[in-house]
Amino acid sequence: MPEVWVYIFGGIIVAIIAMGIGYTLLSTVINYSQRQEAISQFSDFSSNVNAVCLQEIGNSMTKRITIPTQVRVIYATDDTANPLVTVVDRIKNQELSSGNNTCLQFKDEQALRCYPEPPKRFACKVQMPYIGALSEEEDIFVAVNKILGRASGREYELLINKTSGDEVTIKTV
């Protein structure tokens, strides 16, 4: 009779371990897919900025971009070697960034992912607000998305506009 309890207890432990491994694998796959989607959207966004830059003055384009919570910030800069240390207040206050590259930084990475890849640069100077997904406590939109069961993150609609011969301005709509 005691061996039956050993089998039951052992089966429960094996089931708990299997569920833990399954949960870890599933969360890793979801995290990786959101990361790849963020990189894809950033690449598409940067290509749109470059396309507007190469057009005539006054041309514009609207782009919708969804930033998952893994993304720390997207901004324009000339200093592609040194990532920003503090960005939360810059995102909250919609401060403007300026430069000839657009860069993306994930929260768990120190390096920047910039487009075009340095030493290349856009032909135009890009001026845009710092954008990113803040935590639920700091951003009501992220909290609402979580409550509604949507993917956690922040959605932006951006107007990309060529304002002069060598300047592109990006504004949130």
N, C-alpha and C. Protein backbone atom coordinates (compact mmCIF):
# COMPACT_ATOMS: atom_id res chain seq x y z
N MET A 1 0.79 -1.21 0.00
CA MET A 1 0.00 0.00 0.00
C MET A 1 0.83 1.27 0.00
N PRO A 2 1.97 1.34 0.73
CA PRO A 2 2.76 2.56 0.69
C PRO A 2 3.30 2.89 -0.70
N GLU A 3 3.56 1.87 -1.53
CA GLU A 3 4.09 2.15 -2.87
C GLU A 3 3.08 2.89 -3.73
N VAL A 4 1.78 2.75 -3.48
CA VAL A 4 0.76 3.49 -4.23
C VAL A 4 0.90 4.98 -3.95
N TRP A 5 1.12 5.35 -2.69
CA TRP A 5 1.31 6.77 -2.35
C TRP A 5 2.58 7.32 -2.98
N VAL A 6 3.60 6.53 -3.08
CA VAL A 6 4.85 6.97 -3.72
C VAL A 6 4.60 7.26 -5.19
N TYR A 7 3.82 6.38 -5.87
CA TYR A 7 3.50 6.60 -7.28
C TYR A 7 2.63 7.85 -7.46
N ILE A 8 1.67 8.04 -6.61
CA ILE A 8 0.80 9.22 -6.70
C ILE A 8 1.62 10.49 -6.45
N PHE A 9 2.39 10.49 -5.37
CA PHE A 9 3.20 11.67 -5.06
C PHE A 9 4.23 11.92 -6.16
N GLY A 10 4.86 10.89 -6.65
CA GLY A 10 5.84 11.02 -7.74
C GLY A 10 5.19 11.54 -9.01
N GLY A 11 3.99 11.05 -9.31
CA GLY A 11 3.27 11.52 -10.49
C GLY A 11 2.92 13.00 -10.40
N ILE A 12 2.52 13.43 -9.21
CA ILE A 12 2.21 14.86 -9.01
C ILE A 12 3.46 15.70 -9.20
N ILE A 13 4.58 15.28 -8.67
CA ILE A 13 5.84 16.04 -8.82
C ILE A 13 6.25 16.11 -10.29
N VAL A 14 6.17 14.97 -10.99
CA VAL A 14 6.52 14.95 -12.42
C VAL A 14 5.59 15.89 -13.20
N ALA A 15 4.29 15.90 -12.88
CA ALA A 15 3.34 16.78 -13.57
C ALA A 15 3.66 18.25 -13.31
N ILE A 16 4.02 18.58 -12.08
CA ILE A 16 4.37 19.97 -11.75
C ILE A 16 5.63 20.39 -12.50
N ILE A 17 6.62 19.53 -12.56
CA ILE A 17 7.86 19.83 -13.29
C ILE A 17 7.57 20.00 -14.78
N ALA A 18 6.74 19.11 -15.34
CA ALA A 18 6.40 19.21 -16.76
C ALA A 18 5.65 20.50 -17.06
N MET A 19 4.73 20.90 -16.17
CA MET A 19 4.00 22.16 -16.36
C MET A 19 4.95 23.36 -16.26
N GLY A 20 5.90 23.31 -15.34
CA GLY A 20 6.87 24.40 -15.22
C GLY A 20 7.73 24.54 -16.46
N ILE A 21 8.19 23.41 -16.99
CA ILE A 21 9.00 23.44 -18.22
C ILE A 21 8.16 23.94 -19.39
N GLY A 22 6.91 23.48 -19.49
CA GLY A 22 6.02 23.94 -20.56
C GLY A 22 5.75 25.43 -20.49
N TYR A 23 5.51 25.93 -19.28
CA TYR A 23 5.26 27.36 -19.10
C TYR A 23 6.49 28.18 -19.50
N THR A 24 7.67 27.71 -19.08
CA THR A 24 8.91 28.42 -19.42
C THR A 24 9.13 28.46 -20.92
N LEU A 25 8.93 27.31 -21.58
CA LEU A 25 9.11 27.27 -23.03
C LEU A 25 8.10 28.16 -23.75
N LEU A 26 6.85 28.13 -23.31
CA LEU A 26 5.81 28.95 -23.94
C LEU A 26 6.09 30.43 -23.75
N SER A 27 6.49 30.84 -22.55
CA SER A 27 6.77 32.26 -22.33
C SER A 27 8.00 32.71 -23.12
N THR A 28 8.98 31.84 -23.28
CA THR A 28 10.16 32.16 -24.08
C THR A 28 9.78 32.36 -25.55
N VAL A 29 8.93 31.48 -26.07
CA VAL A 29 8.49 31.59 -27.46
C VAL A 29 7.69 32.87 -27.67
N ILE A 30 6.80 33.20 -26.75
CA ILE A 30 5.99 34.43 -26.86
C ILE A 30 6.90 35.66 -26.80
N ASN A 31 7.83 35.67 -25.87
CA ASN A 31 8.77 36.79 -25.74
C ASN A 31 9.58 36.95 -27.02
N TYR A 32 10.07 35.86 -27.57
CA TYR A 32 10.87 35.92 -28.79
C TYR A 32 10.04 36.43 -29.97
N SER A 33 8.79 35.97 -30.09
CA SER A 33 7.96 36.42 -31.21
C SER A 33 7.61 37.91 -31.09
N GLN A 34 7.35 38.39 -29.87
CA GLN A 34 7.09 39.82 -29.69
C GLN A 34 8.32 40.65 -30.02
N ARG A 35 9.48 40.13 -29.67
CA ARG A 35 10.74 40.81 -29.96
C ARG A 35 10.97 40.90 -31.47
N GLN A 36 10.73 39.79 -32.17
CA GLN A 36 10.89 39.78 -33.62
C GLN A 36 9.89 40.72 -34.29
N GLU A 37 8.67 40.76 -33.77
CA GLU A 37 7.66 41.67 -34.31
C GLU A 37 8.07 43.13 -34.10
N ALA A 38 8.64 43.44 -32.94
CA ALA A 38 9.12 44.79 -32.66
C ALA A 38 10.24 45.18 -33.62
N ILE A 39 11.16 44.26 -33.87
CA ILE A 39 12.26 44.54 -34.81
C ILE A 39 11.71 44.74 -36.22
N SER A 40 10.74 43.92 -36.60
CA SER A 40 10.13 44.04 -37.92
C SER A 40 9.41 45.38 -38.09
N GLN A 41 8.64 45.77 -37.08
CA GLN A 41 7.92 47.04 -37.15
C GLN A 41 8.90 48.22 -37.17
N PHE A 42 9.98 48.12 -36.38
CA PHE A 42 10.97 49.18 -36.36
C PHE A 42 11.65 49.31 -37.72
N SER A 43 11.97 48.19 -38.33
CA SER A 43 12.60 48.21 -39.65
C SER A 43 11.67 48.83 -40.69
N ASP A 44 10.39 48.45 -40.64
CA ASP A 44 9.40 49.00 -41.55
C ASP A 44 9.22 50.51 -41.33
N PHE A 45 9.16 50.91 -40.06
CA PHE A 45 9.05 52.33 -39.71
C PHE A 45 10.24 53.12 -40.26
N SER A 46 11.44 52.61 -40.04
CA SER A 46 12.65 53.29 -40.50
C SER A 46 12.71 53.36 -42.02
N SER A 47 12.24 52.33 -42.69
CA SER A 47 12.19 52.36 -44.15
C SER A 47 11.21 53.43 -44.63
N ASN A 48 10.09 53.58 -43.92
CA ASN A 48 9.12 54.63 -44.27
C ASN A 48 9.72 56.02 -44.06
N VAL A 49 10.49 56.19 -42.98
CA VAL A 49 11.16 57.47 -42.74
C VAL A 49 12.12 57.77 -43.88
N ASN A 50 12.88 56.77 -44.29
CA ASN A 50 13.83 56.96 -45.39
C ASN A 50 13.10 57.28 -46.69
N ALA A 51 11.96 56.62 -46.95
CA ALA A 51 11.20 56.88 -48.17
C ALA A 51 10.69 58.32 -48.20
N VAL A 52 10.18 58.81 -47.08
CA VAL A 52 9.70 60.20 -47.01
C VAL A 52 10.87 61.16 -47.18
N CYS A 53 12.01 60.81 -46.61
CA CYS A 53 13.21 61.65 -46.71
C CYS A 53 13.63 61.84 -48.17
N LEU A 54 13.47 60.80 -48.97
CA LEU A 54 13.92 60.86 -50.36
C LEU A 54 12.89 61.51 -51.28
N GLN A 55 11.71 61.87 -50.75
CA GLN A 55 10.67 62.50 -51.56
C GLN A 55 10.77 64.02 -51.49
N GLU A 56 9.81 64.67 -52.12
CA GLU A 56 9.79 66.13 -52.16
C GLU A 56 9.29 66.71 -50.84
N ILE A 57 9.58 67.99 -50.64
CA ILE A 57 9.12 68.70 -49.44
C ILE A 57 7.59 68.69 -49.42
N GLY A 58 7.02 68.45 -48.25
CA GLY A 58 5.57 68.44 -48.08
C GLY A 58 4.97 67.05 -48.13
N ASN A 59 5.70 66.06 -48.63
CA ASN A 59 5.17 64.70 -48.66
C ASN A 59 5.13 64.13 -47.24
N SER A 60 4.13 63.32 -47.00
CA SER A 60 3.98 62.75 -45.66
C SER A 60 3.41 61.35 -45.75
N MET A 61 3.46 60.66 -44.61
CA MET A 61 2.95 59.30 -44.52
C MET A 61 2.54 59.06 -43.07
N THR A 62 1.47 58.31 -42.89
CA THR A 62 1.04 57.94 -41.54
C THR A 62 1.40 56.49 -41.30
N LYS A 63 1.97 56.22 -40.15
CA LYS A 63 2.42 54.86 -39.81
C LYS A 63 1.93 54.52 -38.42
N ARG A 64 1.33 53.34 -38.28
CA ARG A 64 0.89 52.83 -36.97
C ARG A 64 1.93 51.81 -36.52
N ILE A 65 2.39 51.98 -35.29
CA ILE A 65 3.41 51.08 -34.75
C ILE A 65 3.00 50.66 -33.34
N THR A 66 3.11 49.36 -33.06
CA THR A 66 2.79 48.83 -31.74
C THR A 66 4.09 48.41 -31.08
N ILE A 67 4.35 48.97 -29.92
CA ILE A 67 5.59 48.72 -29.20
C ILE A 67 5.30 47.81 -28.01
N PRO A 68 5.87 46.58 -28.01
CA PRO A 68 5.65 45.70 -26.86
C PRO A 68 6.43 46.18 -25.64
N THR A 69 6.10 45.64 -24.49
CA THR A 69 6.72 46.10 -23.25
C THR A 69 8.21 45.78 -23.16
N GLN A 70 8.73 44.90 -24.02
CA GLN A 70 10.16 44.61 -24.00
C GLN A 70 10.99 45.76 -24.55
N VAL A 71 10.36 46.64 -25.34
CA VAL A 71 11.08 47.76 -25.95
C VAL A 71 11.19 48.89 -24.93
N ARG A 72 12.40 49.35 -24.75
CA ARG A 72 12.64 50.46 -23.82
C ARG A 72 12.32 51.79 -24.49
N VAL A 73 12.87 52.01 -25.71
CA VAL A 73 12.68 53.30 -26.38
C VAL A 73 13.03 53.19 -27.86
N ILE A 74 12.36 54.04 -28.66
CA ILE A 74 12.72 54.28 -30.05
C ILE A 74 12.89 55.78 -30.17
N TYR A 75 14.00 56.20 -30.78
CA TYR A 75 14.27 57.63 -30.90
C TYR A 75 15.27 57.90 -32.03
N ALA A 76 15.44 59.17 -32.37
CA ALA A 76 16.41 59.58 -33.39
C ALA A 76 17.66 60.11 -32.69
N THR A 77 18.82 59.79 -33.27
CA THR A 77 20.07 60.23 -32.66
C THR A 77 21.21 60.22 -33.69
N ASP A 78 22.25 60.95 -33.36
CA ASP A 78 23.51 60.88 -34.12
C ASP A 78 24.52 60.03 -33.37
N ASP A 79 24.34 59.89 -32.06
CA ASP A 79 25.26 59.14 -31.22
C ASP A 79 24.76 57.69 -31.10
N THR A 80 25.12 56.86 -32.08
CA THR A 80 24.62 55.49 -32.12
C THR A 80 25.43 54.53 -31.25
N ALA A 81 26.49 55.02 -30.63
CA ALA A 81 27.34 54.15 -29.81
C ALA A 81 26.92 54.16 -28.34
N ASN A 82 26.29 55.23 -27.88
CA ASN A 82 25.96 55.38 -26.47
C ASN A 82 24.46 55.41 -26.25
N PRO A 83 23.90 54.33 -25.69
CA PRO A 83 22.45 54.33 -25.41
C PRO A 83 22.11 55.28 -24.27
N LEU A 84 20.85 55.70 -24.24
CA LEU A 84 20.37 56.59 -23.18
C LEU A 84 20.25 55.83 -21.87
N VAL A 85 20.47 56.52 -20.79
CA VAL A 85 20.36 55.89 -19.47
C VAL A 85 18.93 56.03 -18.94
N THR A 86 18.39 57.23 -18.96
CA THR A 86 17.04 57.46 -18.46
C THR A 86 16.15 57.95 -19.60
N VAL A 87 15.03 57.25 -19.80
CA VAL A 87 14.14 57.63 -20.89
C VAL A 87 12.69 57.78 -20.44
N VAL A 88 12.35 57.34 -19.26
CA VAL A 88 10.95 57.33 -18.82
C VAL A 88 10.36 58.73 -18.87
N ASP A 89 11.06 59.72 -18.30
CA ASP A 89 10.54 61.09 -18.31
C ASP A 89 10.48 61.66 -19.72
N ARG A 90 11.44 61.29 -20.56
CA ARG A 90 11.43 61.77 -21.95
C ARG A 90 10.24 61.22 -22.72
N ILE A 91 9.89 59.97 -22.46
CA ILE A 91 8.72 59.38 -23.12
C ILE A 91 7.44 60.02 -22.59
N LYS A 92 7.34 60.16 -21.27
CA LYS A 92 6.15 60.76 -20.66
C LYS A 92 5.91 62.18 -21.17
N ASN A 93 6.96 62.98 -21.25
CA ASN A 93 6.85 64.38 -21.64
C ASN A 93 6.89 64.57 -23.15
N GLN A 94 7.00 63.50 -23.89
CA GLN A 94 7.10 63.52 -25.35
C GLN A 94 8.17 64.50 -25.83
N GLU A 95 9.32 64.44 -25.15
CA GLU A 95 10.45 65.26 -25.58
C GLU A 95 10.89 64.83 -26.97
N LEU A 96 11.49 65.76 -27.70
CA LEU A 96 11.92 65.47 -29.07
C LEU A 96 13.36 65.00 -29.09
N SER A 97 13.61 64.05 -29.97
CA SER A 97 14.97 63.60 -30.24
C SER A 97 15.29 64.00 -31.67
N SER A 98 16.58 64.10 -31.97
CA SER A 98 16.98 64.55 -33.29
C SER A 98 18.27 63.85 -33.70
N GLY A 99 18.34 63.45 -34.98
CA GLY A 99 19.55 62.82 -35.48
C GLY A 99 19.34 62.22 -36.85
N ASN A 100 20.40 61.63 -37.39
CA ASN A 100 20.36 61.06 -38.72
C ASN A 100 20.18 59.54 -38.72
N ASN A 101 19.90 58.97 -37.56
CA ASN A 101 19.60 57.55 -37.43
C ASN A 101 18.41 57.40 -36.50
N THR A 102 17.61 56.35 -36.70
CA THR A 102 16.60 55.99 -35.72
C THR A 102 17.10 54.74 -35.00
N CYS A 103 16.93 54.71 -33.68
CA CYS A 103 17.47 53.59 -32.89
C CYS A 103 16.39 53.00 -32.00
N LEU A 104 16.53 51.71 -31.76
CA LEU A 104 15.64 50.94 -30.90
C LEU A 104 16.50 50.31 -29.82
N GLN A 105 16.00 50.32 -28.59
CA GLN A 105 16.70 49.65 -27.50
C GLN A 105 15.71 48.81 -26.70
N PHE A 106 16.07 47.55 -26.48
CA PHE A 106 15.26 46.67 -25.64
C PHE A 106 15.64 46.89 -24.18
N LYS A 107 14.71 46.61 -23.27
CA LYS A 107 14.96 46.83 -21.85
C LYS A 107 16.06 45.95 -21.29
N ASP A 108 16.25 44.77 -21.85
CA ASP A 108 17.26 43.86 -21.33
C ASP A 108 18.58 43.91 -22.10
N GLU A 109 18.76 44.93 -22.95
CA GLU A 109 20.00 45.07 -23.72
C GLU A 109 20.60 46.45 -23.49
N GLN A 110 21.91 46.52 -23.56
CA GLN A 110 22.60 47.80 -23.46
C GLN A 110 22.84 48.42 -24.83
N ALA A 111 22.96 47.59 -25.85
CA ALA A 111 23.29 48.07 -27.19
C ALA A 111 22.05 48.64 -27.89
N LEU A 112 22.31 49.53 -28.85
CA LEU A 112 21.25 50.09 -29.68
C LEU A 112 21.18 49.33 -30.99
N ARG A 113 19.99 49.21 -31.54
CA ARG A 113 19.79 48.68 -32.89
C ARG A 113 19.36 49.87 -33.73
N CYS A 114 20.24 50.33 -34.59
CA CYS A 114 19.99 51.56 -35.34
C CYS A 114 19.78 51.28 -36.82
N TYR A 115 19.01 52.16 -37.44
CA TYR A 115 18.79 52.12 -38.87
C TYR A 115 19.01 53.52 -39.42
N PRO A 116 19.68 53.70 -40.53
CA PRO A 116 20.53 52.70 -41.16
C PRO A 116 21.70 52.34 -40.25
N GLU A 117 22.25 51.15 -40.45
CA GLU A 117 23.32 50.70 -39.57
C GLU A 117 24.53 51.62 -39.70
N PRO A 118 25.04 52.09 -38.56
CA PRO A 118 26.21 52.96 -38.59
C PRO A 118 27.37 52.27 -39.30
N PRO A 119 28.15 52.99 -40.03
CA PRO A 119 28.29 54.44 -40.10
C PRO A 119 27.35 55.12 -41.09
N LYS A 120 26.45 54.36 -41.74
CA LYS A 120 25.50 54.97 -42.67
C LYS A 120 24.52 55.85 -41.91
N ARG A 121 23.91 56.81 -42.62
CA ARG A 121 22.96 57.73 -42.02
C ARG A 121 21.87 58.06 -43.02
N PHE A 122 20.73 58.53 -42.52
CA PHE A 122 19.69 59.05 -43.41
C PHE A 122 20.21 60.29 -44.10
N ALA A 123 19.65 60.58 -45.27
CA ALA A 123 20.00 61.80 -45.98
C ALA A 123 19.38 63.01 -45.29
N CYS A 124 18.38 62.78 -44.46
CA CYS A 124 17.68 63.86 -43.75
C CYS A 124 17.91 63.75 -42.25
N LYS A 125 17.82 64.88 -41.60
CA LYS A 125 17.81 64.91 -40.14
C LYS A 125 16.40 64.55 -39.69
N VAL A 126 16.28 63.64 -38.76
CA VAL A 126 14.98 63.18 -38.28
C VAL A 126 14.73 63.79 -36.91
N GLN A 127 13.55 64.38 -36.75
CA GLN A 127 13.14 64.92 -35.46
C GLN A 127 11.86 64.21 -35.06
N MET A 128 11.91 63.53 -33.91
CA MET A 128 10.76 62.73 -33.46
C MET A 128 10.70 62.68 -31.95
N PRO A 129 9.52 62.39 -31.39
CA PRO A 129 9.43 62.22 -29.93
C PRO A 129 10.01 60.87 -29.53
N TYR A 130 10.46 60.79 -28.28
CA TYR A 130 10.86 59.51 -27.73
C TYR A 130 9.60 58.68 -27.57
N ILE A 131 9.59 57.45 -28.09
CA ILE A 131 8.42 56.60 -27.95
C ILE A 131 8.84 55.27 -27.34
N GLY A 132 7.95 54.69 -26.55
CA GLY A 132 8.23 53.42 -25.91
C GLY A 132 7.04 52.98 -25.07
N ALA A 133 7.13 51.74 -24.57
CA ALA A 133 6.08 51.20 -23.72
C ALA A 133 6.55 51.26 -22.27
N LEU A 134 5.91 52.09 -21.49
CA LEU A 134 6.25 52.20 -20.07
C LEU A 134 5.56 51.07 -19.30
N SER A 135 5.83 50.98 -18.02
CA SER A 135 5.18 49.96 -17.19
C SER A 135 3.70 50.33 -16.98
N GLU A 136 2.94 49.35 -16.51
CA GLU A 136 1.51 49.57 -16.28
C GLU A 136 1.24 50.69 -15.30
N GLU A 137 2.11 50.84 -14.31
CA GLU A 137 1.92 51.86 -13.29
C GLU A 137 2.13 53.27 -13.85
N GLU A 138 2.91 53.38 -14.93
CA GLU A 138 3.25 54.70 -15.47
C GLU A 138 2.47 55.07 -16.73
N ASP A 139 1.82 54.10 -17.37
CA ASP A 139 1.15 54.36 -18.64
C ASP A 139 -0.24 53.72 -18.63
N ILE A 140 -1.27 54.53 -18.67
CA ILE A 140 -2.65 54.05 -18.60
C ILE A 140 -2.99 53.20 -19.82
N PHE A 141 -2.41 53.49 -20.99
CA PHE A 141 -2.72 52.74 -22.20
C PHE A 141 -2.26 51.29 -22.08
N VAL A 142 -1.10 51.06 -21.47
CA VAL A 142 -0.60 49.70 -21.26
C VAL A 142 -1.50 48.95 -20.30
N ALA A 143 -1.93 49.63 -19.24
CA ALA A 143 -2.83 48.99 -18.26
C ALA A 143 -4.17 48.64 -18.89
N VAL A 144 -4.73 49.53 -19.71
CA VAL A 144 -6.01 49.26 -20.37
C VAL A 144 -5.88 48.08 -21.32
N ASN A 145 -4.78 48.01 -22.09
CA ASN A 145 -4.57 46.88 -22.99
C ASN A 145 -4.53 45.57 -22.23
N LYS A 146 -3.90 45.58 -21.07
CA LYS A 146 -3.82 44.36 -20.26
C LYS A 146 -5.21 43.96 -19.75
N ILE A 147 -5.98 44.93 -19.30
CA ILE A 147 -7.33 44.66 -18.80
C ILE A 147 -8.21 44.10 -19.91
N LEU A 148 -8.08 44.65 -21.12
CA LEU A 148 -8.90 44.20 -22.26
C LEU A 148 -8.40 42.90 -22.87
N GLY A 149 -7.28 42.38 -22.40
CA GLY A 149 -6.75 41.12 -22.90
C GLY A 149 -5.95 41.25 -24.18
N ARG A 150 -5.60 42.45 -24.55
CA ARG A 150 -4.77 42.67 -25.74
C ARG A 150 -3.31 42.46 -25.38
N ALA A 151 -2.49 42.43 -26.41
CA ALA A 151 -1.05 42.30 -26.17
C ALA A 151 -0.58 43.51 -25.36
N SER A 152 0.27 43.25 -24.38
CA SER A 152 0.74 44.37 -23.56
C SER A 152 1.74 45.17 -24.36
N GLY A 153 1.55 46.45 -24.33
CA GLY A 153 2.41 47.36 -25.09
C GLY A 153 1.69 48.66 -25.34
N ARG A 154 2.27 49.46 -26.19
CA ARG A 154 1.71 50.78 -26.49
C ARG A 154 1.63 50.97 -27.99
N GLU A 155 0.51 51.47 -28.45
CA GLU A 155 0.32 51.70 -29.88
C GLU A 155 0.43 53.19 -30.17
N TYR A 156 1.20 53.51 -31.20
CA TYR A 156 1.38 54.89 -31.63
C TYR A 156 0.96 55.02 -33.08
N GLU A 157 0.34 56.15 -33.41
CA GLU A 157 0.11 56.50 -34.80
C GLU A 157 0.99 57.72 -35.07
N LEU A 158 1.89 57.57 -36.03
CA LEU A 158 2.89 58.59 -36.29
C LEU A 158 2.70 59.21 -37.66
N LEU A 159 2.83 60.53 -37.74
CA LEU A 159 2.80 61.25 -39.00
C LEU A 159 4.24 61.59 -39.36
N ILE A 160 4.72 61.01 -40.46
CA ILE A 160 6.08 61.25 -40.95
C ILE A 160 5.98 62.28 -42.06
N ASN A 161 6.60 63.45 -41.88
CA ASN A 161 6.43 64.57 -42.80
C ASN A 161 7.78 65.17 -43.17
N LYS A 162 8.00 65.38 -44.47
CA LYS A 162 9.22 66.05 -44.90
C LYS A 162 8.96 67.55 -44.86
N THR A 163 9.63 68.23 -43.93
CA THR A 163 9.34 69.65 -43.70
C THR A 163 10.29 70.58 -44.44
N SER A 164 11.49 70.11 -44.76
CA SER A 164 12.41 70.93 -45.53
C SER A 164 13.29 70.00 -46.35
N GLY A 165 14.23 70.56 -47.08
CA GLY A 165 15.07 69.77 -47.97
C GLY A 165 15.85 68.66 -47.30
N ASP A 166 16.21 68.89 -46.04
CA ASP A 166 17.01 67.86 -45.35
C ASP A 166 16.48 67.57 -43.95
N GLU A 167 15.16 67.69 -43.75
CA GLU A 167 14.58 67.42 -42.44
C GLU A 167 13.26 66.71 -42.54
N VAL A 168 13.11 65.66 -41.73
CA VAL A 168 11.87 64.91 -41.60
C VAL A 168 11.39 65.05 -40.16
N THR A 169 10.13 65.43 -40.00
CA THR A 169 9.55 65.58 -38.67
C THR A 169 8.53 64.49 -38.46
N ILE A 170 8.58 63.84 -37.29
CA ILE A 170 7.65 62.79 -36.95
C ILE A 170 6.86 63.25 -35.72
N LYS A 171 5.54 63.18 -35.82
CA LYS A 171 4.67 63.60 -34.71
C LYS A 171 3.69 62.48 -34.41
N THR A 172 3.31 62.40 -33.13
CA THR A 172 2.26 61.45 -32.76
C THR A 172 0.91 62.06 -33.09
N VAL A 173 0.03 61.26 -33.63
CA VAL A 173 -1.30 61.73 -34.05
C VAL A 173 -2.31 61.34 -33.00
